[in-house]
Amino acid sequence: PLRKSAAAARAMLVQAAAKRWKVDASTCTAADSEVAHAPSN
């Protein structure tokens, strides 16, 4: 249950960042409480 909860939260945070940057969410990654978009650094 908590893995699914956290995975959903991570996905929402990634989607939120991708939407702000206007990029595809599949090009974003999460680590150490940050969402990163490597192509644009």
PDB file of all heavy atoms in Angstrom:
ATOM      1  N   PRO A   1       0.801  -1.222   0.000  1.00  0.00           N
ATOM      2  CA  PRO A   1       0.000   0.000   0.000  1.00  0.00           C
ATOM      3  C   PRO A   1       0.836   1.276   0.000  1.00  0.00           C
ATOM      4  O   PRO A   1       0.556   2.212  -0.750  1.00  0.00           O
ATOM      5  CB  PRO A   1      -0.819  -0.122   1.293  1.00  0.00           C
ATOM      6  CG  PRO A   1      -0.945  -1.579   1.514  1.00  0.00           C
ATOM      7  CD  PRO A   1       0.372  -2.157   1.079  1.00  0.00           C
ATOM      8  N   LEU A   2       1.892   1.320   0.822  1.00  0.00           N
ATOM      9  CA  LEU A   2       2.696   2.533   0.876  1.00  0.00           C
ATOM     10  C   LEU A   2       3.594   2.680  -0.352  1.00  0.00           C
ATOM     11  O   LEU A   2       3.902   3.801  -0.770  1.00  0.00           O
ATOM     12  CB  LEU A   2       3.530   2.564   2.155  1.00  0.00           C
ATOM     13  CG  LEU A   2       2.750   2.986   3.406  1.00  0.00           C
ATOM     14  CD1 LEU A   2       3.669   3.057   4.615  1.00  0.00           C
ATOM     15  CD2 LEU A   2       2.065   4.335   3.197  1.00  0.00           C
ATOM     16  N   ARG A   3       4.029   1.582  -0.926  1.00  0.00           N
ATOM     17  CA  ARG A   3       4.787   1.682  -2.171  1.00  0.00           C
ATOM     18  C   ARG A   3       3.915   2.280  -3.278  1.00  0.00           C
ATOM     19  O   ARG A   3       4.358   3.156  -4.031  1.00  0.00           O
ATOM     20  CB  ARG A   3       5.304   0.308  -2.608  1.00  0.00           C
ATOM     21  CG  ARG A   3       6.460  -0.224  -1.774  1.00  0.00           C
ATOM     22  CD  ARG A   3       7.072  -1.453  -2.421  1.00  0.00           C
ATOM     23  NE  ARG A   3       7.738  -1.106  -3.678  1.00  0.00           N
ATOM     24  CZ  ARG A   3       8.163  -2.009  -4.563  1.00  0.00           C
ATOM     25  NH1 ARG A   3       7.970  -3.303  -4.342  1.00  0.00           N
ATOM     26  NH2 ARG A   3       8.771  -1.631  -5.670  1.00  0.00           N
ATOM     27  N   LYS A   4       2.683   1.809  -3.379  1.00  0.00           N
ATOM     28  CA  LYS A   4       1.779   2.359  -4.389  1.00  0.00           C
ATOM     29  C   LYS A   4       1.469   3.819  -4.113  1.00  0.00           C
ATOM     30  O   LYS A   4       1.381   4.634  -5.038  1.00  0.00           O
ATOM     31  CB  LYS A   4       0.497   1.534  -4.432  1.00  0.00           C
ATOM     32  CG  LYS A   4       0.674   0.139  -5.013  1.00  0.00           C
ATOM     33  CD  LYS A   4      -0.652  -0.608  -5.067  1.00  0.00           C
ATOM     34  CE  LYS A   4      -0.489  -1.984  -5.706  1.00  0.00           C
ATOM     35  NZ  LYS A   4      -1.780  -2.730  -5.743  1.00  0.00           N
ATOM     36  N   SER A   5       1.296   4.148  -2.847  1.00  0.00           N
ATOM     37  CA  SER A   5       1.036   5.530  -2.465  1.00  0.00           C
ATOM     38  C   SER A   5       2.185   6.437  -2.888  1.00  0.00           C
ATOM     39  O   SER A   5       1.985   7.480  -3.506  1.00  0.00           O
ATOM     40  CB  SER A   5       0.836   5.615  -0.945  1.00  0.00           C
ATOM     41  OG  SER A   5       0.802   6.961  -0.521  1.00  0.00           O
ATOM     42  N   ALA A   6       3.403   6.032  -2.537  1.00  0.00           N
ATOM     43  CA  ALA A   6       4.572   6.847  -2.856  1.00  0.00           C
ATOM     44  C   ALA A   6       4.831   6.903  -4.355  1.00  0.00           C
ATOM     45  O   ALA A   6       5.240   7.938  -4.890  1.00  0.00           O
ATOM     46  CB  ALA A   6       5.793   6.296  -2.134  1.00  0.00           C
ATOM     47  N   ALA A   7       4.598   5.794  -5.045  1.00  0.00           N
ATOM     48  CA  ALA A   7       4.794   5.775  -6.494  1.00  0.00           C
ATOM     49  C   ALA A   7       3.829   6.727  -7.183  1.00  0.00           C
ATOM     50  O   ALA A   7       4.190   7.423  -8.147  1.00  0.00           O
ATOM     51  CB  ALA A   7       4.606   4.355  -7.030  1.00  0.00           C
ATOM     52  N   ALA A   8       2.599   6.774  -6.688  1.00  0.00           N
ATOM     53  CA  ALA A   8       1.619   7.700  -7.247  1.00  0.00           C
ATOM     54  C   ALA A   8       2.047   9.143  -7.000  1.00  0.00           C
ATOM     55  O   ALA A   8       1.946  10.001  -7.886  1.00  0.00           O
ATOM     56  CB  ALA A   8       0.239   7.442  -6.643  1.00  0.00           C
ATOM     57  N   ALA A   9       2.540   9.413  -5.801  1.00  0.00           N
ATOM     58  CA  ALA A   9       2.999  10.759  -5.477  1.00  0.00           C
ATOM     59  C   ALA A   9       4.161  11.164  -6.370  1.00  0.00           C
ATOM     60  O   ALA A   9       4.213  12.278  -6.890  1.00  0.00           O
ATOM     61  CB  ALA A   9       3.417  10.813  -4.011  1.00  0.00           C
ATOM     62  N   ARG A  10       5.108  10.254  -6.558  1.00  0.00           N
ATOM     63  CA  ARG A  10       6.255  10.540  -7.411  1.00  0.00           C
ATOM     64  C   ARG A  10       5.806  10.828  -8.844  1.00  0.00           C
ATOM     65  O   ARG A  10       6.280  11.778  -9.485  1.00  0.00           O
ATOM     66  CB  ARG A  10       7.215   9.358  -7.398  1.00  0.00           C
ATOM     67  CG  ARG A  10       8.505   9.597  -8.210  1.00  0.00           C
ATOM     68  CD  ARG A  10       9.349   8.338  -8.291  1.00  0.00           C
ATOM     69  NE  ARG A  10       8.692   7.296  -9.053  1.00  0.00           N
ATOM     70  CZ  ARG A  10       8.537   6.051  -8.642  1.00  0.00           C
ATOM     71  NH1 ARG A  10       8.955   5.674  -7.452  1.00  0.00           N
ATOM     72  NH2 ARG A  10       7.935   5.161  -9.414  1.00  0.00           N
ATOM     73  N   ALA A  11       4.871  10.032  -9.336  1.00  0.00           N
ATOM     74  CA  ALA A  11       4.382  10.227 -10.702  1.00  0.00           C
ATOM     75  C   ALA A  11       3.709  11.585 -10.855  1.00  0.00           C
ATOM     76  O   ALA A  11       3.877  12.263 -11.887  1.00  0.00           O
ATOM     77  CB  ALA A  11       3.403   9.111 -11.067  1.00  0.00           C
ATOM     78  N   MET A  12       2.961  11.998  -9.851  1.00  0.00           N
ATOM     79  CA  MET A  12       2.299  13.304  -9.920  1.00  0.00           C
ATOM     80  C   MET A  12       3.305  14.452  -9.900  1.00  0.00           C
ATOM     81  O   MET A  12       3.150  15.457 -10.600  1.00  0.00           O
ATOM     82  CB  MET A  12       1.305  13.439  -8.775  1.00  0.00           C
ATOM     83  CG  MET A  12       0.037  12.637  -8.970  1.00  0.00           C
ATOM     84  SD  MET A  12      -1.152  12.841  -7.621  1.00  0.00           S
ATOM     85  CE  MET A  12      -0.594  11.565  -6.511  1.00  0.00           C
ATOM     86  N   LEU A  13       4.336  14.308  -9.086  1.00  0.00           N
ATOM     87  CA  LEU A  13       5.369  15.346  -9.019  1.00  0.00           C
ATOM     88  C   LEU A  13       6.131  15.433 -10.336  1.00  0.00           C
ATOM     89  O   LEU A  13       6.440  16.532 -10.821  1.00  0.00           O
ATOM     90  CB  LEU A  13       6.322  15.050  -7.865  1.00  0.00           C
ATOM     91  CG  LEU A  13       5.715  15.218  -6.466  1.00  0.00           C
ATOM     92  CD1 LEU A  13       6.570  14.504  -5.417  1.00  0.00           C
ATOM     93  CD2 LEU A  13       5.576  16.697  -6.109  1.00  0.00           C
ATOM     94  N   VAL A  14       6.434  14.278 -10.926  1.00  0.00           N
ATOM     95  CA  VAL A  14       7.116  14.261 -12.219  1.00  0.00           C
ATOM     96  C   VAL A  14       6.242  14.897 -13.291  1.00  0.00           C
ATOM     97  O   VAL A  14       6.702  15.717 -14.103  1.00  0.00           O
ATOM     98  CB  VAL A  14       7.485  12.810 -12.615  1.00  0.00           C
ATOM     99  CG1 VAL A  14       7.939  12.750 -14.077  1.00  0.00           C
ATOM    100  CG2 VAL A  14       8.583  12.283 -11.700  1.00  0.00           C
ATOM    101  N   GLN A  15       4.965  14.547 -13.287  1.00  0.00           N
ATOM    102  CA  GLN A  15       4.038  15.106 -14.270  1.00  0.00           C
ATOM    103  C   GLN A  15       3.911  16.615 -14.099  1.00  0.00           C
ATOM    104  O   GLN A  15       3.828  17.368 -15.082  1.00  0.00           O
ATOM    105  CB  GLN A  15       2.668  14.435 -14.127  1.00  0.00           C
ATOM    106  CG  GLN A  15       1.643  14.894 -15.153  1.00  0.00           C
ATOM    107  CD  GLN A  15       2.033  14.532 -16.572  1.00  0.00           C
ATOM    108  OE1 GLN A  15       2.576  13.457 -16.807  1.00  0.00           O
ATOM    109  NE2 GLN A  15       1.763  15.410 -17.522  1.00  0.00           N
ATOM    110  N   ALA A  16       3.906  17.071 -12.847  1.00  0.00           N
ATOM    111  CA  ALA A  16       3.802  18.507 -12.578  1.00  0.00           C
ATOM    112  C   ALA A  16       5.011  19.253 -13.135  1.00  0.00           C
ATOM    113  O   ALA A  16       4.872  20.326 -13.736  1.00  0.00           O
ATOM    114  CB  ALA A  16       3.683  18.741 -11.075  1.00  0.00           C
ATOM    115  N   ALA A  17       6.205  18.693 -12.938  1.00  0.00           N
ATOM    116  CA  ALA A  17       7.409  19.327 -13.462  1.00  0.00           C
ATOM    117  C   ALA A  17       7.409  19.329 -14.986  1.00  0.00           C
ATOM    118  O   ALA A  17       7.750  20.338 -15.625  1.00  0.00           O
ATOM    119  CB  ALA A  17       8.643  18.609 -12.935  1.00  0.00           C
ATOM    120  N   ALA A  18       7.032  18.193 -15.573  1.00  0.00           N
ATOM    121  CA  ALA A  18       7.012  18.096 -17.032  1.00  0.00           C
ATOM    122  C   ALA A  18       6.038  19.098 -17.642  1.00  0.00           C
ATOM    123  O   ALA A  18       6.328  19.723 -18.675  1.00  0.00           O
ATOM    124  CB  ALA A  18       6.629  16.670 -17.434  1.00  0.00           C
ATOM    125  N   LYS A  19       4.917  19.269 -16.985  1.00  0.00           N
ATOM    126  CA  LYS A  19       3.918  20.217 -17.482  1.00  0.00           C
ATOM    127  C   LYS A  19       4.447  21.638 -17.416  1.00  0.00           C
ATOM    128  O   LYS A  19       4.221  22.443 -18.326  1.00  0.00           O
ATOM    129  CB  LYS A  19       2.632  20.071 -16.671  1.00  0.00           C
ATOM    130  CG  LYS A  19       1.434  20.805 -17.240  1.00  0.00           C
ATOM    131  CD  LYS A  19       0.172  20.453 -16.473  1.00  0.00           C
ATOM    132  CE  LYS A  19      -1.047  21.137 -17.086  1.00  0.00           C
ATOM    133  NZ  LYS A  19      -2.297  20.789 -16.341  1.00  0.00           N
ATOM    134  N   ARG A  20       5.163  21.958 -16.344  1.00  0.00           N
ATOM    135  CA  ARG A  20       5.719  23.305 -16.211  1.00  0.00           C
ATOM    136  C   ARG A  20       6.779  23.558 -17.278  1.00  0.00           C
ATOM    137  O   ARG A  20       6.882  24.652 -17.832  1.00  0.00           O
ATOM    138  CB  ARG A  20       6.320  23.509 -14.830  1.00  0.00           C
ATOM    139  CG  ARG A  20       6.813  24.927 -14.601  1.00  0.00           C
ATOM    140  CD  ARG A  20       7.485  25.118 -13.260  1.00  0.00           C
ATOM    141  NE  ARG A  20       6.588  24.922 -12.133  1.00  0.00           N
ATOM    142  CZ  ARG A  20       6.922  25.212 -10.869  1.00  0.00           C
ATOM    143  NH1 ARG A  20       8.139  25.704 -10.605  1.00  0.00           N
ATOM    144  NH2 ARG A  20       6.072  25.008  -9.886  1.00  0.00           N
ATOM    145  N   TRP A  21       7.585  22.527 -17.554  1.00  0.00           N
ATOM    146  CA  TRP A  21       8.653  22.676 -18.551  1.00  0.00           C
ATOM    147  C   TRP A  21       8.176  22.455 -19.981  1.00  0.00           C
ATOM    148  O   TRP A  21       8.925  22.657 -20.935  1.00  0.00           O
ATOM    149  CB  TRP A  21       9.771  21.681 -18.243  1.00  0.00           C
ATOM    150  CG  TRP A  21      10.512  21.960 -16.969  1.00  0.00           C
ATOM    151  CD1 TRP A  21      10.765  23.175 -16.424  1.00  0.00           C
ATOM    152  CD2 TRP A  21      11.092  20.986 -16.089  1.00  0.00           C
ATOM    153  NE1 TRP A  21      11.481  23.031 -15.255  1.00  0.00           N
ATOM    154  CE2 TRP A  21      11.694  21.699 -15.027  1.00  0.00           C
ATOM    155  CE3 TRP A  21      11.172  19.590 -16.100  1.00  0.00           C
ATOM    156  CZ2 TRP A  21      12.355  21.058 -13.983  1.00  0.00           C
ATOM    157  CZ3 TRP A  21      11.834  18.944 -15.076  1.00  0.00           C
ATOM    158  CH2 TRP A  21      12.419  19.674 -14.021  1.00  0.00           C
ATOM    159  N   LYS A  22       6.922  21.986 -20.105  1.00  0.00           N
ATOM    160  CA  LYS A  22       6.357  21.681 -21.418  1.00  0.00           C
ATOM    161  C   LYS A  22       7.172  20.606 -22.144  1.00  0.00           C
ATOM    162  O   LYS A  22       7.540  20.744 -23.315  1.00  0.00           O
ATOM    163  CB  LYS A  22       6.241  22.951 -22.274  1.00  0.00           C
ATOM    164  CG  LYS A  22       5.268  23.978 -21.717  1.00  0.00           C
ATOM    165  CD  LYS A  22       5.195  25.211 -22.604  1.00  0.00           C
ATOM    166  CE  LYS A  22       4.086  26.152 -22.153  1.00  0.00           C
ATOM    167  NZ  LYS A  22       4.235  26.596 -20.742  1.00  0.00           N
ATOM    168  N   VAL A  23       7.460  19.536 -21.415  1.00  0.00           N
ATOM    169  CA  VAL A  23       8.180  18.403 -21.986  1.00  0.00           C
ATOM    170  C   VAL A  23       7.399  17.138 -21.671  1.00  0.00           C
ATOM    171  O   VAL A  23       6.477  17.143 -20.854  1.00  0.00           O
ATOM    172  CB  VAL A  23       9.615  18.296 -21.419  1.00  0.00           C
ATOM    173  CG1 VAL A  23      10.414  19.559 -21.749  1.00  0.00           C
ATOM    174  CG2 VAL A  23       9.593  18.048 -19.920  1.00  0.00           C
ATOM    175  N   ASP A  24       7.771  16.040 -22.303  1.00  0.00           N
ATOM    176  CA  ASP A  24       7.117  14.768 -22.029  1.00  0.00           C
ATOM    177  C   ASP A  24       7.608  14.231 -20.687  1.00  0.00           C
ATOM    178  O   ASP A  24       8.817  14.258 -20.396  1.00  0.00           O
ATOM    179  CB  ASP A  24       7.443  13.769 -23.140  1.00  0.00           C
ATOM    180  CG  ASP A  24       6.547  12.537 -23.076  1.00  0.00           C
ATOM    181  OD1 ASP A  24       6.750  11.721 -22.137  1.00  0.00           O
ATOM    182  OD2 ASP A  24       5.673  12.392 -23.936  1.00  0.00           O
ATOM    183  N   ALA A  25       6.680  13.723 -19.882  1.00  0.00           N
ATOM    184  CA  ALA A  25       7.040  13.226 -18.549  1.00  0.00           C
ATOM    185  C   ALA A  25       8.022  12.068 -18.618  1.00  0.00           C
ATOM    186  O   ALA A  25       8.808  11.857 -17.684  1.00  0.00           O
ATOM    187  CB  ALA A  25       5.779  12.796 -17.803  1.00  0.00           C
ATOM    188  N   SER A  26       8.012  11.315 -19.711  1.00  0.00           N
ATOM    189  CA  SER A  26       8.929  10.180 -19.840  1.00  0.00           C
ATOM    190  C   SER A  26      10.382  10.618 -19.942  1.00  0.00           C
ATOM    191  O   SER A  26      11.294   9.802 -19.765  1.00  0.00           O
ATOM    192  CB  SER A  26       8.557   9.343 -21.067  1.00  0.00           C
ATOM    193  OG  SER A  26       8.727  10.090 -22.262  1.00  0.00           O
ATOM    194  N   THR A  27      10.614  11.901 -20.213  1.00  0.00           N
ATOM    195  CA  THR A  27      11.989  12.412 -20.306  1.00  0.00           C
ATOM    196  C   THR A  27      12.469  12.972 -18.973  1.00  0.00           C
ATOM    197  O   THR A  27      13.594  13.483 -18.891  1.00  0.00           O
ATOM    198  CB  THR A  27      12.086  13.517 -21.375  1.00  0.00           C
ATOM    199  OG1 THR A  27      11.272  14.643 -20.986  1.00  0.00           O
ATOM    200  CG2 THR A  27      11.617  13.000 -22.725  1.00  0.00           C
ATOM    201  N   CYS A  28      11.624  12.874 -17.933  1.00  0.00           N
ATOM    202  CA  CYS A  28      11.973  13.388 -16.612  1.00  0.00           C
ATOM    203  C   CYS A  28      12.225  12.238 -15.643  1.00  0.00           C
ATOM    204  O   CYS A  28      11.658  11.159 -15.785  1.00  0.00           O
ATOM    205  CB  CYS A  28      10.854  14.273 -16.065  1.00  0.00           C
ATOM    206  SG  CYS A  28      10.474  15.725 -17.082  1.00  0.00           S
ATOM    207  N   THR A  29      13.056  12.486 -14.667  1.00  0.00           N
ATOM    208  CA  THR A  29      13.355  11.486 -13.649  1.00  0.00           C
ATOM    209  C   THR A  29      13.277  12.121 -12.269  1.00  0.00           C
ATOM    210  O   THR A  29      13.398  13.338 -12.121  1.00  0.00           O
ATOM    211  CB  THR A  29      14.760  10.894 -13.853  1.00  0.00           C
ATOM    212  OG1 THR A  29      15.726  11.961 -13.832  1.00  0.00           O
ATOM    213  CG2 THR A  29      14.850  10.132 -15.166  1.00  0.00           C
ATOM    214  N   ALA A  30      13.093  11.263 -11.245  1.00  0.00           N
ATOM    215  CA  ALA A  30      13.031  11.739  -9.861  1.00  0.00           C
ATOM    216  C   ALA A  30      14.130  11.083  -9.044  1.00  0.00           C
ATOM    217  O   ALA A  30      14.391   9.889  -9.186  1.00  0.00           O
ATOM    218  CB  ALA A  30      11.668  11.426  -9.248  1.00  0.00           C
ATOM    219  N   ALA A  31      14.765  11.871  -8.180  1.00  0.00           N
ATOM    220  CA  ALA A  31      15.796  11.358  -7.285  1.00  0.00           C
ATOM    221  C   ALA A  31      16.110  12.410  -6.237  1.00  0.00           C
ATOM    222  O   ALA A  31      16.095  13.615  -6.530  1.00  0.00           O
ATOM    223  CB  ALA A  31      17.065  10.994  -8.051  1.00  0.00           C
ATOM    224  N   ASP A  32      16.336  11.958  -4.998  1.00  0.00           N
ATOM    225  CA  ASP A  32      16.734  12.862  -3.912  1.00  0.00           C
ATOM    226  C   ASP A  32      15.814  14.067  -3.774  1.00  0.00           C
ATOM    227  O   ASP A  32      16.258  15.214  -3.656  1.00  0.00           O
ATOM    228  CB  ASP A  32      18.176  13.335  -4.109  1.00  0.00           C
ATOM    229  CG  ASP A  32      19.174  12.203  -3.995  1.00  0.00           C
ATOM    230  OD1 ASP A  32      18.924  11.261  -3.210  1.00  0.00           O
ATOM    231  OD2 ASP A  32      20.191  12.240  -4.700  1.00  0.00           O
ATOM    232  N   SER A  33      14.506  13.812  -3.831  1.00  0.00           N
ATOM    233  CA  SER A  33      13.483  14.855  -3.636  1.00  0.00           C
ATOM    234  C   SER A  33      13.518  15.930  -4.714  1.00  0.00           C
ATOM    235  O   SER A  33      13.127  17.077  -4.473  1.00  0.00           O
ATOM    236  CB  SER A  33      13.626  15.497  -2.259  1.00  0.00           C
ATOM    237  OG  SER A  33      13.366  14.571  -1.234  1.00  0.00           O
ATOM    238  N   GLU A  34      13.961  15.560  -5.904  1.00  0.00           N
ATOM    239  CA  GLU A  34      13.970  16.488  -7.030  1.00  0.00           C
ATOM    240  C   GLU A  34      13.499  15.779  -8.292  1.00  0.00           C
ATOM    241  O   GLU A  34      13.670  14.574  -8.445  1.00  0.00           O
ATOM    242  CB  GLU A  34      15.369  17.035  -7.293  1.00  0.00           C
ATOM    243  CG  GLU A  34      15.909  17.964  -6.231  1.00  0.00           C
ATOM    244  CD  GLU A  34      17.288  18.487  -6.605  1.00  0.00           C
ATOM    245  OE1 GLU A  34      18.057  17.742  -7.274  1.00  0.00           O
ATOM    246  OE2 GLU A  34      17.601  19.632  -6.223  1.00  0.00           O
ATOM    247  N   VAL A  35      12.903  16.563  -9.185  1.00  0.00           N
ATOM    248  CA  VAL A  35      12.577  16.076 -10.520  1.00  0.00           C
ATOM    249  C   VAL A  35      13.539  16.749 -11.487  1.00  0.00           C
ATOM    250  O   VAL A  35      13.740  17.969 -11.427  1.00  0.00           O
ATOM    251  CB  VAL A  35      11.129  16.399 -10.912  1.00  0.00           C
ATOM    252  CG1 VAL A  35      10.834  15.919 -12.330  1.00  0.00           C
ATOM    253  CG2 VAL A  35      10.152  15.751  -9.932  1.00  0.00           C
ATOM    254  N   ALA A  36      14.155  15.956 -12.356  1.00  0.00           N
ATOM    255  CA  ALA A  36      15.158  16.481 -13.276  1.00  0.00           C
ATOM    256  C   ALA A  36      14.766  16.207 -14.722  1.00  0.00           C
ATOM    257  O   ALA A  36      14.118  15.208 -15.037  1.00  0.00           O
ATOM    258  CB  ALA A  36      16.520  15.854 -12.989  1.00  0.00           C
ATOM    259  N   HIS A  37      15.170  17.122 -15.594  1.00  0.00           N
ATOM    260  CA  HIS A  37      15.016  16.945 -17.045  1.00  0.00           C
ATOM    261  C   HIS A  37      16.416  17.061 -17.642  1.00  0.00           C
ATOM    262  O   HIS A  37      16.924  18.168 -17.871  1.00  0.00           O
ATOM    263  CB  HIS A  37      14.086  18.008 -17.622  1.00  0.00           C
ATOM    264  CG  HIS A  37      13.830  17.843 -19.095  1.00  0.00           C
ATOM    265  ND1 HIS A  37      14.249  18.758 -20.036  1.00  0.00           N
ATOM    266  CD2 HIS A  37      13.203  16.842 -19.777  1.00  0.00           C
ATOM    267  CE1 HIS A  37      13.886  18.341 -21.246  1.00  0.00           C
ATOM    268  NE2 HIS A  37      13.249  17.192 -21.114  1.00  0.00           N
ATOM    269  N   ALA A  38      17.051  15.914 -17.863  1.00  0.00           N
ATOM    270  CA  ALA A  38      18.446  15.878 -18.298  1.00  0.00           C
ATOM    271  C   ALA A  38      18.696  16.607 -19.621  1.00  0.00           C
ATOM    272  O   ALA A  38      19.703  17.321 -19.748  1.00  0.00           O
ATOM    273  CB  ALA A  38      18.925  14.428 -18.388  1.00  0.00           C
ATOM    274  N   PRO A  39      17.818  16.478 -20.636  1.00  0.00           N
ATOM    275  CA  PRO A  39      18.090  17.136 -21.914  1.00  0.00           C
ATOM    276  C   PRO A  39      18.272  18.650 -21.795  1.00  0.00           C
ATOM    277  O   PRO A  39      19.050  19.248 -22.549  1.00  0.00           O
ATOM    278  CB  PRO A  39      16.852  16.791 -22.752  1.00  0.00           C
ATOM    279  CG  PRO A  39      16.386  15.481 -22.196  1.00  0.00           C
ATOM    280  CD  PRO A  39      16.634  15.599 -20.723  1.00  0.00           C
ATOM    281  N   SER A  40      17.550  19.281 -20.858  1.00  0.00           N
ATOM    282  CA  SER A  40      17.673  20.737 -20.698  1.00  0.00           C
ATOM    283  C   SER A  40      18.416  21.118 -19.422  1.00  0.00           C
ATOM    284  O   SER A  40      18.521  22.302 -19.095  1.00  0.00           O
ATOM    285  CB  SER A  40      16.277  21.372 -20.678  1.00  0.00           C
ATOM    286  OG  SER A  40      15.517  20.886 -19.579  1.00  0.00           O
ATOM    287  N   ASN A  41      18.882  20.095 -18.685  1.00  0.00           N
ATOM    288  CA  ASN A  41      19.645  20.327 -17.451  1.00  0.00           C
ATOM    289  C   ASN A  41      18.859  21.174 -16.441  1.00  0.00           C
ATOM    290  O   ASN A  41      19.406  22.081 -15.801  1.00  0.00           O
ATOM    291  CB  ASN A  41      20.986  21.005 -17.768  1.00  0.00           C
ATOM    292  CG  ASN A  41      21.960  20.893 -16.603  1.00  0.00           C
ATOM    293  OD1 ASN A  41      21.924  19.935 -15.830  1.00  0.00           O
ATOM    294  ND2 ASN A  41      22.824  21.888 -16.462  1.00  0.00           N
TER     295      ASN A  41
END
